């Protein structure tokens, strides 16, 4: 039996900026709940959140954040930095 190689990890730093939000902390909490619902490693910081996982999961959660917050009529900007080498040893 041959070992199955692990897929390389992707690192992502995301910052969600609510624009003209009456309850901006609630919006940020919604985004964090979406992130936490995925099977990724999460480190929540003061200004941004760092995520490690498969690229499929990371792109999926980014898409879910965008569509969920857009459907709730939130105005926002999202800053994303992705790396396939930064802190990505499985």
PDB file of N, CA and C in Angstrom:
ATOM      1  N   UNK A   1       0.847  -1.184   0.000  1.00  0.00           N
ATOM      2  CA  UNK A   1       0.000   0.000   0.000  1.00  0.00           C
ATOM      3  C   UNK A   1       0.887   1.239   0.000  1.00  0.00           C
ATOM      4  N   UNK A   2       0.578   2.165  -0.860  1.00  0.00           N
ATOM      5  CA  UNK A   2       1.369   3.389  -0.976  1.00  0.00           C
ATOM      6  C   UNK A   2       0.722   4.508  -0.179  1.00  0.00           C
ATOM      7  N   UNK A   3       1.540   5.292   0.524  1.00  0.00           N
ATOM      8  CA  UNK A   3       0.962   6.421   1.264  1.00  0.00           C
ATOM      9  C   UNK A   3       0.387   7.449   0.290  1.00  0.00           C
ATOM     10  N   UNK A   4      -0.696   8.042   0.696  1.00  0.00           N
ATOM     11  CA  UNK A   4      -1.318   9.091  -0.111  1.00  0.00           C
ATOM     12  C   UNK A   4      -0.657  10.412   0.250  1.00  0.00           C
ATOM     13  N   UNK A   5      -0.065  11.093  -0.741  1.00  0.00           N
ATOM     14  CA  UNK A   5       0.583  12.373  -0.413  1.00  0.00           C
ATOM     15  C   UNK A   5      -0.448  13.414   0.006  1.00  0.00           C
ATOM     16  N   UNK A   6      -0.062  14.209   0.986  1.00  0.00           N
ATOM     17  CA  UNK A   6      -0.942  15.283   1.441  1.00  0.00           C
ATOM     18  C   UNK A   6      -0.921  16.422   0.433  1.00  0.00           C
ATOM     19  N   UNK A   7      -2.066  17.023   0.248  1.00  0.00           N
ATOM     20  CA  UNK A   7      -2.142  18.193  -0.625  1.00  0.00           C
ATOM     21  C   UNK A   7      -1.425  19.351   0.059  1.00  0.00           C
ATOM     22  N   UNK A   8      -0.724  20.175  -0.712  1.00  0.00           N
ATOM     23  CA  UNK A   8      -0.044  21.320  -0.092  1.00  0.00           C
ATOM     24  C   UNK A   8      -1.060  22.282   0.517  1.00  0.00           C
ATOM     25  N   UNK A   9      -0.636  22.898   1.589  1.00  0.00           N
ATOM     26  CA  UNK A   9      -1.494  23.878   2.254  1.00  0.00           C
ATOM     27  C   UNK A   9      -1.340  25.247   1.605  1.00  0.00           C
ATOM     28  N   UNK A  10      -2.365  26.010   1.714  1.00  0.00           N
ATOM     29  CA  UNK A  10      -2.355  27.397   1.269  1.00  0.00           C
ATOM     30  C   UNK A  10      -2.527  28.268   2.505  1.00  0.00           C
ATOM     31  N   UNK A  11      -1.771  29.347   2.570  1.00  0.00           N
ATOM     32  CA  UNK A  11      -1.947  30.328   3.644  1.00  0.00           C
ATOM     33  C   UNK A  11      -2.695  31.523   3.078  1.00  0.00           C
ATOM     34  N   UNK A  12      -3.554  32.091   3.908  1.00  0.00           N
ATOM     35  CA  UNK A  12      -4.360  33.229   3.482  1.00  0.00           C
ATOM     36  C   UNK A  12      -4.494  34.197   4.648  1.00  0.00           C
ATOM     37  N   UNK A  13      -4.276  35.460   4.368  1.00  0.00           N
ATOM     38  CA  UNK A  13      -4.565  36.504   5.347  1.00  0.00           C
ATOM     39  C   UNK A  13      -5.726  37.313   4.783  1.00  0.00           C
ATOM     40  N   UNK A  14      -6.779  37.448   5.575  1.00  0.00           N
ATOM     41  CA  UNK A  14      -7.976  38.151   5.118  1.00  0.00           C
ATOM     42  C   UNK A  14      -8.339  39.248   6.115  1.00  0.00           C
ATOM     43  N   UNK A  15      -8.695  40.394   5.562  1.00  0.00           N
ATOM     44  CA  UNK A  15      -9.216  41.493   6.366  1.00  0.00           C
ATOM     45  C   UNK A  15     -10.533  41.922   5.738  1.00  0.00           C
ATOM     46  N   UNK A  16     -11.587  41.919   6.540  1.00  0.00           N
ATOM     47  CA  UNK A  16     -12.918  42.313   6.083  1.00  0.00           C
ATOM     48  C   UNK A  16     -13.199  43.713   6.612  1.00  0.00           C
ATOM     49  N   UNK A  17     -13.505  44.627   5.699  1.00  0.00           N
ATOM     50  CA  UNK A  17     -13.788  46.016   6.062  1.00  0.00           C
ATOM     51  C   UNK A  17     -15.254  46.335   5.788  1.00  0.00           C
ATOM     52  N   UNK A  18     -16.109  46.410   6.826  1.00  0.00           N
ATOM     53  CA  UNK A  18     -17.492  46.835   6.606  1.00  0.00           C
ATOM     54  C   UNK A  18     -17.509  48.325   6.240  1.00  0.00           C
ATOM     55  N   UNK A  19     -18.338  48.689   5.281  1.00  0.00           N
ATOM     56  CA  UNK A  19     -18.447  50.082   4.848  1.00  0.00           C
ATOM     57  C   UNK A  19     -19.847  50.587   5.216  1.00  0.00           C
ATOM     58  N   UNK A  20     -19.910  51.676   5.956  1.00  0.00           N
ATOM     59  CA  UNK A  20     -21.191  52.288   6.361  1.00  0.00           C
ATOM     60  C   UNK A  20     -22.116  51.308   7.077  1.00  0.00           C
ATOM     61  N   UNK A  21     -21.549  50.414   7.863  1.00  0.00           N
ATOM     62  CA  UNK A  21     -22.360  49.427   8.589  1.00  0.00           C
ATOM     63  C   UNK A  21     -22.815  50.011   9.921  1.00  0.00           C
ATOM     64  N   UNK A  22     -24.085  49.822  10.235  1.00  0.00           N
ATOM     65  CA  UNK A  22     -24.601  50.280  11.522  1.00  0.00           C
ATOM     66  C   UNK A  22     -24.101  49.391  12.650  1.00  0.00           C
ATOM     67  N   UNK A  23     -23.984  48.112  12.373  1.00  0.00           N
ATOM     68  CA  UNK A  23     -23.514  47.140  13.367  1.00  0.00           C
ATOM     69  C   UNK A  23     -22.296  46.402  12.814  1.00  0.00           C
ATOM     70  N   UNK A  24     -21.212  47.135  12.615  1.00  0.00           N
ATOM     71  CA  UNK A  24     -20.044  46.561  11.949  1.00  0.00           C
ATOM     72  C   UNK A  24     -19.463  45.364  12.688  1.00  0.00           C
ATOM     73  N   UNK A  25     -19.546  45.335  14.025  1.00  0.00           N
ATOM     74  CA  UNK A  25     -19.016  44.187  14.765  1.00  0.00           C
ATOM     75  C   UNK A  25     -19.831  42.927  14.481  1.00  0.00           C
ATOM     76  N   UNK A  26     -21.131  43.077  14.295  1.00  0.00           N
ATOM     77  CA  UNK A  26     -21.969  41.933  13.928  1.00  0.00           C
ATOM     78  C   UNK A  26     -21.586  41.408  12.548  1.00  0.00           C
ATOM     79  N   UNK A  27     -21.294  42.309  11.624  1.00  0.00           N
ATOM     80  CA  UNK A  27     -20.870  41.890  10.288  1.00  0.00           C
ATOM     81  C   UNK A  27     -19.554  41.118  10.358  1.00  0.00           C
ATOM     82  N   UNK A  28     -18.616  41.625  11.129  1.00  0.00           N
ATOM     83  CA  UNK A  28     -17.331  40.943  11.282  1.00  0.00           C
ATOM     84  C   UNK A  28     -17.534  39.578  11.927  1.00  0.00           C
ATOM     85  N   UNK A  29     -18.396  39.498  12.932  1.00  0.00           N
ATOM     86  CA  UNK A  29     -18.679  38.212  13.576  1.00  0.00           C
ATOM     87  C   UNK A  29     -19.278  37.210  12.590  1.00  0.00           C
ATOM     88  N   UNK A  30     -20.151  37.663  11.681  1.00  0.00           N
ATOM     89  CA  UNK A  30     -20.718  36.775  10.663  1.00  0.00           C
ATOM     90  C   UNK A  30     -19.620  36.207   9.778  1.00  0.00           C
ATOM     91  N   UNK A  31     -18.693  37.066   9.374  1.00  0.00           N
ATOM     92  CA  UNK A  31     -17.582  36.624   8.531  1.00  0.00           C
ATOM     93  C   UNK A  31     -16.731  35.594   9.275  1.00  0.00           C
ATOM     94  N   UNK A  32     -16.443  35.852  10.543  1.00  0.00           N
ATOM     95  CA  UNK A  32     -15.640  34.906  11.324  1.00  0.00           C
ATOM     96  C   UNK A  32     -16.359  33.570  11.492  1.00  0.00           C
ATOM     97  N   UNK A  33     -17.670  33.591  11.648  1.00  0.00           N
ATOM     98  CA  UNK A  33     -18.432  32.340  11.761  1.00  0.00           C
ATOM     99  C   UNK A  33     -18.360  31.539  10.469  1.00  0.00           C
ATOM    100  N   UNK A  34     -18.406  32.212   9.339  1.00  0.00           N
ATOM    101  CA  UNK A  34     -18.257  31.519   8.055  1.00  0.00           C
ATOM    102  C   UNK A  34     -16.890  30.854   7.996  1.00  0.00           C
ATOM    103  N   UNK A  35     -15.847  31.595   8.349  1.00  0.00           N
ATOM    104  CA  UNK A  35     -14.489  31.047   8.311  1.00  0.00           C
ATOM    105  C   UNK A  35     -14.374  29.838   9.230  1.00  0.00           C
ATOM    106  N   UNK A  36     -14.902  29.950  10.444  1.00  0.00           N
ATOM    107  CA  UNK A  36     -14.803  28.861  11.425  1.00  0.00           C
ATOM    108  C   UNK A  36     -15.593  27.621  11.014  1.00  0.00           C
ATOM    109  N   UNK A  37     -16.532  27.757  10.090  1.00  0.00           N
ATOM    110  CA  UNK A  37     -17.339  26.613   9.664  1.00  0.00           C
ATOM    111  C   UNK A  37     -16.593  25.716   8.673  1.00  0.00           C
ATOM    112  N   UNK A  38     -15.427  26.138   8.233  1.00  0.00           N
ATOM    113  CA  UNK A  38     -14.631  25.370   7.272  1.00  0.00           C
ATOM    114  C   UNK A  38     -13.532  24.596   7.996  1.00  0.00           C
ATOM    115  N   UNK A  39     -13.107  23.464   7.421  1.00  0.00           N
ATOM    116  CA  UNK A  39     -12.040  22.665   8.031  1.00  0.00           C
ATOM    117  C   UNK A  39     -10.658  23.251   7.723  1.00  0.00           C
ATOM    118  N   UNK A  40     -10.385  24.407   8.297  1.00  0.00           N
ATOM    119  CA  UNK A  40      -9.119  25.108   8.105  1.00  0.00           C
ATOM    120  C   UNK A  40      -8.576  25.521   9.471  1.00  0.00           C
ATOM    121  N   UNK A  41      -7.299  25.827   9.512  1.00  0.00           N
ATOM    122  CA  UNK A  41      -6.680  26.360  10.720  1.00  0.00           C
ATOM    123  C   UNK A  41      -6.858  27.875  10.699  1.00  0.00           C
ATOM    124  N   UNK A  42      -7.317  28.427  11.810  1.00  0.00           N
ATOM    125  CA  UNK A  42      -7.654  29.856  11.862  1.00  0.00           C
ATOM    126  C   UNK A  42      -6.927  30.523  13.023  1.00  0.00           C
ATOM    127  N   UNK A  43      -6.333  31.671  12.750  1.00  0.00           N
ATOM    128  CA  UNK A  43      -5.740  32.505  13.795  1.00  0.00           C
ATOM    129  C   UNK A  43      -6.338  33.903  13.638  1.00  0.00           C
ATOM    130  N   UNK A  44      -7.177  34.280  14.597  1.00  0.00           N
ATOM    131  CA  UNK A  44      -7.856  35.572  14.533  1.00  0.00           C
ATOM    132  C   UNK A  44      -6.980  36.616  15.210  1.00  0.00           C
ATOM    133  N   UNK A  45      -6.635  37.657  14.458  1.00  0.00           N
ATOM    134  CA  UNK A  45      -5.817  38.731  14.988  1.00  0.00           C
ATOM    135  C   UNK A  45      -6.635  39.999  15.175  1.00  0.00           C
ATOM    136  N   UNK A  46      -5.975  41.034  15.632  1.00  0.00           N
ATOM    137  CA  UNK A  46      -6.649  42.304  15.876  1.00  0.00           C
ATOM    138  C   UNK A  46      -7.096  42.955  14.564  1.00  0.00           C
ATOM    139  N   UNK A  47      -6.242  42.885  13.540  1.00  0.00           N
ATOM    140  CA  UNK A  47      -6.543  43.561  12.281  1.00  0.00           C
ATOM    141  C   UNK A  47      -6.877  42.625  11.133  1.00  0.00           C
ATOM    142  N   UNK A  48      -6.521  41.351  11.263  1.00  0.00           N
ATOM    143  CA  UNK A  48      -6.768  40.408  10.176  1.00  0.00           C
ATOM    144  C   UNK A  48      -6.846  38.996  10.733  1.00  0.00           C
ATOM    145  N   UNK A  49      -7.253  38.074   9.876  1.00  0.00           N
ATOM    146  CA  UNK A  49      -7.353  36.665  10.239  1.00  0.00           C
ATOM    147  C   UNK A  49      -6.479  35.871   9.286  1.00  0.00           C
ATOM    148  N   UNK A  50      -5.681  34.960   9.833  1.00  0.00           N
ATOM    149  CA  UNK A  50      -4.831  34.093   9.033  1.00  0.00           C
ATOM    150  C   UNK A  50      -5.456  32.710   8.986  1.00  0.00           C
ATOM    151  N   UNK A  51      -5.488  32.143   7.796  1.00  0.00           N
ATOM    152  CA  UNK A  51      -6.120  30.849   7.567  1.00  0.00           C
ATOM    153  C   UNK A  51      -5.128  29.953   6.842  1.00  0.00           C
ATOM    154  N   UNK A  52      -5.094  28.665   7.212  1.00  0.00           N
ATOM    155  CA  UNK A  52      -4.322  27.675   6.471  1.00  0.00           C
ATOM    156  C   UNK A  52      -5.222  26.497   6.165  1.00  0.00           C
ATOM    157  N   UNK A  53      -5.154  26.029   4.943  1.00  0.00           N
ATOM    158  CA  UNK A  53      -5.947  24.880   4.536  1.00  0.00           C
ATOM    159  C   UNK A  53      -5.732  24.614   3.063  1.00  0.00           C
ATOM    160  N   UNK A  54      -6.564  23.762   2.510  1.00  0.00           N
ATOM    161  CA  UNK A  54      -6.456  23.491   1.078  1.00  0.00           C
ATOM    162  C   UNK A  54      -6.925  24.723   0.307  1.00  0.00           C
ATOM    163  N   UNK A  55      -6.379  24.885  -0.878  1.00  0.00           N
ATOM    164  CA  UNK A  55      -6.798  26.032  -1.691  1.00  0.00           C
ATOM    165  C   UNK A  55      -8.289  25.941  -2.005  1.00  0.00           C
ATOM    166  N   UNK A  56      -8.805  24.732  -2.170  1.00  0.00           N
ATOM    167  CA  UNK A  56     -10.236  24.557  -2.451  1.00  0.00           C
ATOM    168  C   UNK A  56     -11.084  25.110  -1.305  1.00  0.00           C
ATOM    169  N   UNK A  57     -10.710  24.788  -0.070  1.00  0.00           N
ATOM    170  CA  UNK A  57     -11.462  25.279   1.090  1.00  0.00           C
ATOM    171  C   UNK A  57     -11.343  26.790   1.223  1.00  0.00           C
ATOM    172  N   UNK A  58     -10.148  27.310   1.034  1.00  0.00           N
ATOM    173  CA  UNK A  58      -9.943  28.752   1.193  1.00  0.00           C
ATOM    174  C   UNK A  58     -10.720  29.535   0.135  1.00  0.00           C
ATOM    175  N   UNK A  59     -10.641  29.116  -1.117  1.00  0.00           N
ATOM    176  CA  UNK A  59     -11.399  29.824  -2.150  1.00  0.00           C
ATOM    177  C   UNK A  59     -12.897  29.660  -1.937  1.00  0.00           C
ATOM    178  N   UNK A  60     -13.310  28.513  -1.417  1.00  0.00           N
ATOM    179  CA  UNK A  60     -14.724  28.303  -1.112  1.00  0.00           C
ATOM    180  C   UNK A  60     -15.224  29.236  -0.028  1.00  0.00           C
ATOM    181  N   UNK A  61     -14.440  29.388   1.036  1.00  0.00           N
ATOM    182  CA  UNK A  61     -14.892  30.266   2.126  1.00  0.00           C
ATOM    183  C   UNK A  61     -14.864  31.722   1.705  1.00  0.00           C
ATOM    184  N   UNK A  62     -13.900  32.108   0.874  1.00  0.00           N
ATOM    185  CA  UNK A  62     -13.885  33.488   0.371  1.00  0.00           C
ATOM    186  C   UNK A  62     -15.132  33.769  -0.466  1.00  0.00           C
ATOM    187  N   UNK A  63     -15.494  32.803  -1.292  1.00  0.00           N
ATOM    188  CA  UNK A  63     -16.696  32.962  -2.111  1.00  0.00           C
ATOM    189  C   UNK A  63     -17.947  33.026  -1.237  1.00  0.00           C
ATOM    190  N   UNK A  64     -18.006  32.186  -0.210  1.00  0.00           N
ATOM    191  CA  UNK A  64     -19.164  32.201   0.682  1.00  0.00           C
ATOM    192  C   UNK A  64     -19.264  33.524   1.439  1.00  0.00           C
ATOM    193  N   UNK A  65     -18.139  34.038   1.911  1.00  0.00           N
ATOM    194  CA  UNK A  65     -18.147  35.340   2.592  1.00  0.00           C
ATOM    195  C   UNK A  65     -18.709  36.405   1.655  1.00  0.00           C
ATOM    196  N   UNK A  66     -18.182  36.450   0.442  1.00  0.00           N
ATOM    197  CA  UNK A  66     -18.621  37.471  -0.513  1.00  0.00           C
ATOM    198  C   UNK A  66     -20.123  37.385  -0.766  1.00  0.00           C
ATOM    199  N   UNK A  67     -20.595  36.188  -1.115  1.00  0.00           N
ATOM    200  CA  UNK A  67     -22.008  36.043  -1.478  1.00  0.00           C
ATOM    201  C   UNK A  67     -22.941  36.236  -0.282  1.00  0.00           C
ATOM    202  N   UNK A  68     -22.562  35.721   0.881  1.00  0.00           N
ATOM    203  CA  UNK A  68     -23.407  35.862   2.071  1.00  0.00           C
ATOM    204  C   UNK A  68     -23.564  37.326   2.458  1.00  0.00           C
ATOM    205  N   UNK A  69     -22.453  38.032   2.532  1.00  0.00           N
ATOM    206  CA  UNK A  69     -22.518  39.422   2.966  1.00  0.00           C
ATOM    207  C   UNK A  69     -23.177  40.302   1.900  1.00  0.00           C
ATOM    208  N   UNK A  70     -22.970  39.986   0.634  1.00  0.00           N
ATOM    209  CA  UNK A  70     -23.615  40.727  -0.444  1.00  0.00           C
ATOM    210  C   UNK A  70     -25.129  40.512  -0.413  1.00  0.00           C
ATOM    211  N   UNK A  71     -25.563  39.275  -0.179  1.00  0.00           N
ATOM    212  CA  UNK A  71     -26.994  38.978  -0.110  1.00  0.00           C
ATOM    213  C   UNK A  71     -27.663  39.661   1.085  1.00  0.00           C
ATOM    214  N   UNK A  72     -26.882  39.968   2.120  1.00  0.00           N
ATOM    215  CA  UNK A  72     -27.421  40.676   3.284  1.00  0.00           C
ATOM    216  C   UNK A  72     -27.325  42.193   3.108  1.00  0.00           C
ATOM    217  N   UNK A  73     -27.049  42.615   1.880  1.00  0.00           N
ATOM    218  CA  UNK A  73     -26.959  44.036   1.523  1.00  0.00           C
ATOM    219  C   UNK A  73     -25.896  44.788   2.309  1.00  0.00           C
ATOM    220  N   UNK A  74     -24.826  44.104   2.640  1.00  0.00           N
ATOM    221  CA  UNK A  74     -23.693  44.744   3.312  1.00  0.00           C
ATOM    222  C   UNK A  74     -22.772  45.348   2.257  1.00  0.00           C
ATOM    223  N   UNK A  75     -22.236  46.503   2.564  1.00  0.00           N
ATOM    224  CA  UNK A  75     -21.191  47.103   1.738  1.00  0.00           C
ATOM    225  C   UNK A  75     -19.865  46.789   2.405  1.00  0.00           C
ATOM    226  N   UNK A  76     -18.886  46.372   1.617  1.00  0.00           N
ATOM    227  CA  UNK A  76     -17.630  45.929   2.215  1.00  0.00           C
ATOM    228  C   UNK A  76     -16.491  45.953   1.210  1.00  0.00           C
ATOM    229  N   UNK A  77     -15.305  45.899   1.754  1.00  0.00           N
ATOM    230  CA  UNK A  77     -14.083  45.645   1.007  1.00  0.00           C
ATOM    231  C   UNK A  77     -13.394  44.493   1.713  1.00  0.00           C
ATOM    232  N   UNK A  78     -12.831  43.583   0.941  1.00  0.00           N
ATOM    233  CA  UNK A  78     -12.084  42.464   1.512  1.00  0.00           C
ATOM    234  C   UNK A  78     -10.670  42.519   0.955  1.00  0.00           C
ATOM    235  N   UNK A  79      -9.695  42.517   1.846  1.00  0.00           N
ATOM    236  CA  UNK A  79      -8.293  42.448   1.459  1.00  0.00           C
ATOM    237  C   UNK A  79      -7.815  41.020   1.703  1.00  0.00           C
ATOM    238  N   UNK A  80      -7.249  40.399   0.660  1.00  0.00           N
ATOM    239  CA  UNK A  80      -6.820  39.003   0.757  1.00  0.00           C
ATOM    240  C   UNK A  80      -5.388  38.880   0.260  1.00  0.00           C
ATOM    241  N   UNK A  81      -4.554  38.171   1.038  1.00  0.00           N
ATOM    242  CA  UNK A  81      -3.215  37.820   0.600  1.00  0.00           C
ATOM    243  C   UNK A  81      -3.119  36.300   0.652  1.00  0.00           C
ATOM    244  N   UNK A  82      -2.702  35.673  -0.454  1.00  0.00           N
ATOM    245  CA  UNK A  82      -2.593  34.220  -0.541  1.00  0.00           C
ATOM    246  C   UNK A  82      -1.151  33.819  -0.790  1.00  0.00           C
ATOM    247  N   UNK A  83      -0.765  32.667  -0.248  1.00  0.00           N
ATOM    248  CA  UNK A  83       0.570  32.136  -0.489  1.00  0.00           C
ATOM    249  C   UNK A  83       0.512  30.619  -0.574  1.00  0.00           C
ATOM    250  N   UNK A  84       1.262  30.064  -1.516  1.00  0.00           N
ATOM    251  CA  UNK A  84       1.385  28.617  -1.584  1.00  0.00           C
ATOM    252  C   UNK A  84       2.691  28.134  -0.955  1.00  0.00           C
ATOM    253  N   UNK A  85       3.461  29.051  -0.371  1.00  0.00           N
ATOM    254  CA  UNK A  85       4.725  28.663   0.256  1.00  0.00           C
ATOM    255  C   UNK A  85       4.902  29.185   1.675  1.00  0.00           C
ATOM    256  N   UNK A  86       4.157  30.189   2.069  1.00  0.00           N
ATOM    257  CA  UNK A  86       4.361  30.854   3.353  1.00  0.00           C
ATOM    258  C   UNK A  86       3.722  30.068   4.493  1.00  0.00           C
ATOM    259  N   UNK A  87       4.524  29.367   5.289  1.00  0.00           N
ATOM    260  CA  UNK A  87       4.007  28.617   6.427  1.00  0.00           C
ATOM    261  C   UNK A  87       3.133  27.455   6.030  1.00  0.00           C
ATOM    262  N   UNK A  88       3.457  26.834   4.903  1.00  0.00           N
ATOM    263  CA  UNK A  88       2.550  25.837   4.332  1.00  0.00           C
ATOM    264  C   UNK A  88       3.044  24.400   4.439  1.00  0.00           C
ATOM    265  N   UNK A  89       3.976  24.109   5.296  1.00  0.00           N
ATOM    266  CA  UNK A  89       4.411  22.723   5.434  1.00  0.00           C
ATOM    267  C   UNK A  89       3.295  21.913   6.065  1.00  0.00           C
ATOM    268  N   UNK A  90       2.903  20.790   5.404  1.00  0.00           N
ATOM    269  CA  UNK A  90       1.823  19.975   5.979  1.00  0.00           C
ATOM    270  C   UNK A  90       2.235  19.301   7.260  1.00  0.00           C
TER     271      UNK A  90
END
